[in-house]
């Protein structure tokens, strides 16, 4: 696992993103906290959730699915 500062990451983004894409664990530290940099793959649940949400939004636009208000969406969280 490699730990890098935000400044170092900004200076060498390509190098660090390539390493993360290759499977190396990368921790980014900054005054806002510590973050783990990992690539998003097709197998990630986040990717499938985004795709599902996009399909749902399209169905709402087409009138095939009832839309809901922002307040209703926030209440689901």
N, C-alpha and C. Protein backbone atom coordinates (compact mmCIF):
# COMPACT_ATOMS: atom_id res chain seq x y z
N UNK A 1 0.85 -1.17 0.00
CA UNK A 1 0.00 0.00 0.00
C UNK A 1 0.89 1.23 0.00
N UNK A 2 0.53 2.18 -0.85
CA UNK A 2 1.31 3.40 -0.96
C UNK A 2 0.49 4.57 -0.42
N UNK A 3 1.10 5.40 0.40
CA UNK A 3 0.43 6.58 0.95
C UNK A 3 1.06 7.81 0.30
N UNK A 4 0.21 8.67 -0.28
CA UNK A 4 0.71 9.88 -0.94
C UNK A 4 -0.07 11.09 -0.45
N UNK A 5 0.60 12.23 -0.46
CA UNK A 5 -0.07 13.48 -0.08
C UNK A 5 -0.86 14.00 -1.28
N UNK A 6 -1.82 14.86 -1.02
CA UNK A 6 -2.62 15.45 -2.09
C UNK A 6 -1.73 16.21 -3.06
N UNK A 7 -0.74 16.90 -2.56
CA UNK A 7 0.18 17.66 -3.42
C UNK A 7 0.96 16.73 -4.34
N UNK A 8 1.47 15.64 -3.78
CA UNK A 8 2.22 14.68 -4.58
C UNK A 8 1.30 14.02 -5.62
N UNK A 9 0.06 13.73 -5.21
CA UNK A 9 -0.90 13.12 -6.14
C UNK A 9 -1.19 14.06 -7.31
N UNK A 10 -1.42 15.35 -7.01
CA UNK A 10 -1.69 16.31 -8.08
C UNK A 10 -0.53 16.40 -9.07
N UNK A 11 0.68 16.32 -8.55
CA UNK A 11 1.87 16.44 -9.40
C UNK A 11 2.09 15.22 -10.28
N UNK A 12 1.62 14.05 -9.83
CA UNK A 12 1.89 12.79 -10.53
C UNK A 12 0.65 11.94 -10.70
N UNK A 13 -0.48 12.56 -11.07
CA UNK A 13 -1.74 11.83 -11.14
C UNK A 13 -1.67 10.60 -12.03
N UNK A 14 -1.12 10.76 -13.22
CA UNK A 14 -1.05 9.65 -14.16
C UNK A 14 -0.34 8.44 -13.58
N UNK A 15 0.78 8.70 -12.93
CA UNK A 15 1.58 7.63 -12.32
C UNK A 15 0.77 6.87 -11.27
N UNK A 16 0.10 7.62 -10.40
CA UNK A 16 -0.64 6.98 -9.30
C UNK A 16 -1.91 6.30 -9.78
N UNK A 17 -2.61 6.90 -10.74
CA UNK A 17 -3.83 6.27 -11.26
C UNK A 17 -3.50 5.00 -12.04
N UNK A 18 -2.39 5.00 -12.75
CA UNK A 18 -1.94 3.80 -13.45
C UNK A 18 -1.62 2.69 -12.46
N UNK A 19 -0.97 3.06 -11.35
CA UNK A 19 -0.64 2.06 -10.32
C UNK A 19 -1.92 1.50 -9.69
N UNK A 20 -2.90 2.36 -9.42
CA UNK A 20 -4.17 1.90 -8.84
C UNK A 20 -4.91 1.00 -9.82
N UNK A 21 -4.91 1.37 -11.09
CA UNK A 21 -5.56 0.54 -12.11
C UNK A 21 -4.91 -0.84 -12.18
N UNK A 22 -3.60 -0.88 -11.91
CA UNK A 22 -2.87 -2.15 -11.93
C UNK A 22 -3.07 -2.98 -10.68
N UNK A 23 -3.83 -2.47 -9.70
CA UNK A 23 -4.13 -3.26 -8.51
C UNK A 23 -3.41 -2.81 -7.25
N UNK A 24 -2.55 -1.81 -7.35
CA UNK A 24 -1.83 -1.33 -6.17
C UNK A 24 -2.77 -0.49 -5.30
N UNK A 25 -2.78 -0.73 -4.01
CA UNK A 25 -3.58 0.07 -3.08
C UNK A 25 -2.92 1.43 -2.91
N UNK A 26 -3.74 2.47 -2.96
CA UNK A 26 -3.22 3.83 -2.87
C UNK A 26 -4.08 4.62 -1.89
N UNK A 27 -3.43 5.19 -0.88
CA UNK A 27 -4.12 6.06 0.07
C UNK A 27 -3.69 7.49 -0.18
N UNK A 28 -4.66 8.37 -0.32
CA UNK A 28 -4.42 9.78 -0.55
C UNK A 28 -4.73 10.52 0.74
N UNK A 29 -3.76 11.24 1.26
CA UNK A 29 -3.98 11.99 2.50
C UNK A 29 -4.04 13.47 2.19
N UNK A 30 -4.97 14.16 2.84
CA UNK A 30 -5.09 15.60 2.68
C UNK A 30 -5.68 16.18 3.95
N UNK A 31 -5.81 17.47 3.98
CA UNK A 31 -6.40 18.10 5.18
C UNK A 31 -7.88 17.76 5.31
N UNK A 32 -8.48 17.21 4.26
CA UNK A 32 -9.89 16.83 4.28
C UNK A 32 -10.12 15.40 4.72
N UNK A 33 -9.03 14.64 4.89
CA UNK A 33 -9.16 13.26 5.31
C UNK A 33 -8.26 12.35 4.50
N UNK A 34 -8.45 11.06 4.66
CA UNK A 34 -7.69 10.05 3.95
C UNK A 34 -8.65 9.27 3.06
N UNK A 35 -8.23 9.04 1.81
CA UNK A 35 -9.09 8.41 0.82
C UNK A 35 -8.36 7.28 0.13
N UNK A 36 -9.07 6.21 -0.17
CA UNK A 36 -8.49 5.10 -0.90
C UNK A 36 -8.84 5.26 -2.37
N UNK A 37 -7.85 5.21 -3.23
CA UNK A 37 -8.05 5.32 -4.67
C UNK A 37 -8.12 3.91 -5.24
N UNK A 38 -9.26 3.58 -5.85
CA UNK A 38 -9.44 2.27 -6.49
C UNK A 38 -10.17 2.47 -7.81
N UNK A 39 -9.88 1.65 -8.81
CA UNK A 39 -10.59 1.79 -10.08
C UNK A 39 -12.01 1.24 -9.98
N UNK A 40 -12.92 1.79 -10.75
CA UNK A 40 -14.28 1.28 -10.85
C UNK A 40 -14.30 0.28 -11.99
N UNK A 41 -14.81 -0.91 -11.72
CA UNK A 41 -14.86 -1.94 -12.75
C UNK A 41 -16.32 -2.26 -13.08
N UNK A 42 -16.52 -3.02 -14.11
CA UNK A 42 -17.86 -3.41 -14.50
C UNK A 42 -18.53 -4.25 -13.41
N UNK A 43 -17.75 -4.93 -12.59
CA UNK A 43 -18.30 -5.78 -11.54
C UNK A 43 -18.73 -5.01 -10.29
N UNK A 44 -18.35 -3.75 -10.19
CA UNK A 44 -18.69 -2.96 -9.01
C UNK A 44 -20.19 -2.75 -8.90
N UNK A 45 -20.69 -2.83 -7.68
CA UNK A 45 -22.10 -2.59 -7.48
C UNK A 45 -22.44 -1.13 -7.77
N UNK A 46 -21.49 -0.22 -7.56
CA UNK A 46 -21.74 1.19 -7.85
C UNK A 46 -22.04 1.38 -9.33
N UNK A 47 -21.26 0.74 -10.19
CA UNK A 47 -21.48 0.85 -11.62
C UNK A 47 -22.86 0.33 -11.99
N UNK A 48 -23.24 -0.81 -11.46
CA UNK A 48 -24.56 -1.37 -11.79
C UNK A 48 -25.67 -0.50 -11.23
N UNK A 49 -25.47 0.10 -10.07
CA UNK A 49 -26.49 0.97 -9.49
C UNK A 49 -26.66 2.23 -10.32
N UNK A 50 -25.56 2.78 -10.83
CA UNK A 50 -25.64 3.97 -11.69
C UNK A 50 -26.39 3.63 -12.97
N UNK A 51 -26.06 2.51 -13.59
CA UNK A 51 -26.74 2.09 -14.82
C UNK A 51 -28.23 1.88 -14.57
N UNK A 52 -28.55 1.26 -13.46
CA UNK A 52 -29.95 1.03 -13.11
C UNK A 52 -30.68 2.36 -12.92
N UNK A 53 -30.04 3.30 -12.26
CA UNK A 53 -30.64 4.63 -12.05
C UNK A 53 -30.86 5.36 -13.36
N UNK A 54 -29.92 5.23 -14.29
CA UNK A 54 -30.06 5.88 -15.59
C UNK A 54 -31.23 5.28 -16.37
N UNK A 55 -31.38 3.96 -16.31
CA UNK A 55 -32.51 3.31 -16.97
C UNK A 55 -33.84 3.78 -16.36
N UNK A 56 -33.85 3.89 -15.03
CA UNK A 56 -35.06 4.33 -14.34
C UNK A 56 -35.41 5.76 -14.73
N UNK A 57 -34.40 6.64 -14.81
CA UNK A 57 -34.64 8.03 -15.20
C UNK A 57 -35.19 8.11 -16.62
N UNK A 58 -34.67 7.29 -17.51
CA UNK A 58 -35.16 7.26 -18.89
C UNK A 58 -36.62 6.83 -18.93
N UNK A 59 -36.96 5.82 -18.14
CA UNK A 59 -38.35 5.35 -18.09
C UNK A 59 -39.27 6.43 -17.55
N UNK A 60 -38.80 7.22 -16.59
CA UNK A 60 -39.61 8.32 -16.04
C UNK A 60 -39.84 9.39 -17.11
N UNK A 61 -38.77 9.71 -17.85
CA UNK A 61 -38.91 10.71 -18.92
C UNK A 61 -39.90 10.24 -19.98
N UNK A 62 -39.91 8.96 -20.27
CA UNK A 62 -40.81 8.40 -21.28
C UNK A 62 -42.22 8.17 -20.75
N UNK A 63 -42.45 8.41 -19.46
CA UNK A 63 -43.77 8.24 -18.87
C UNK A 63 -44.10 6.80 -18.53
N UNK A 64 -43.12 5.91 -18.59
CA UNK A 64 -43.35 4.50 -18.31
C UNK A 64 -43.25 4.20 -16.82
N UNK A 65 -42.75 5.15 -16.05
CA UNK A 65 -42.56 4.98 -14.62
C UNK A 65 -42.91 6.30 -13.94
N UNK A 66 -43.64 6.23 -12.83
CA UNK A 66 -44.03 7.44 -12.11
C UNK A 66 -42.79 8.11 -11.51
N UNK A 67 -42.66 9.40 -11.73
CA UNK A 67 -41.57 10.16 -11.13
C UNK A 67 -41.89 10.50 -9.69
N UNK A 68 -40.93 11.03 -8.98
CA UNK A 68 -41.17 11.44 -7.61
C UNK A 68 -40.33 12.67 -7.32
N UNK A 69 -40.74 13.37 -6.27
CA UNK A 69 -40.10 14.64 -5.93
C UNK A 69 -38.76 14.42 -5.24
N UNK A 70 -38.01 15.48 -5.14
CA UNK A 70 -36.72 15.42 -4.44
C UNK A 70 -36.93 15.02 -2.98
N UNK A 71 -37.97 15.56 -2.37
CA UNK A 71 -38.26 15.22 -0.97
C UNK A 71 -38.54 13.72 -0.81
N UNK A 72 -39.29 13.15 -1.75
CA UNK A 72 -39.58 11.71 -1.70
C UNK A 72 -38.29 10.89 -1.88
N UNK A 73 -37.42 11.36 -2.78
CA UNK A 73 -36.14 10.67 -3.01
C UNK A 73 -35.28 10.71 -1.75
N UNK A 74 -35.22 11.87 -1.11
CA UNK A 74 -34.41 11.99 0.11
C UNK A 74 -34.97 11.15 1.24
N UNK A 75 -36.28 11.01 1.29
CA UNK A 75 -36.90 10.19 2.34
C UNK A 75 -36.55 8.71 2.18
N UNK A 76 -36.23 8.30 0.95
CA UNK A 76 -35.83 6.91 0.73
C UNK A 76 -34.46 6.61 1.31
N UNK A 77 -33.64 7.64 1.47
CA UNK A 77 -32.30 7.44 2.02
C UNK A 77 -32.43 7.16 3.48
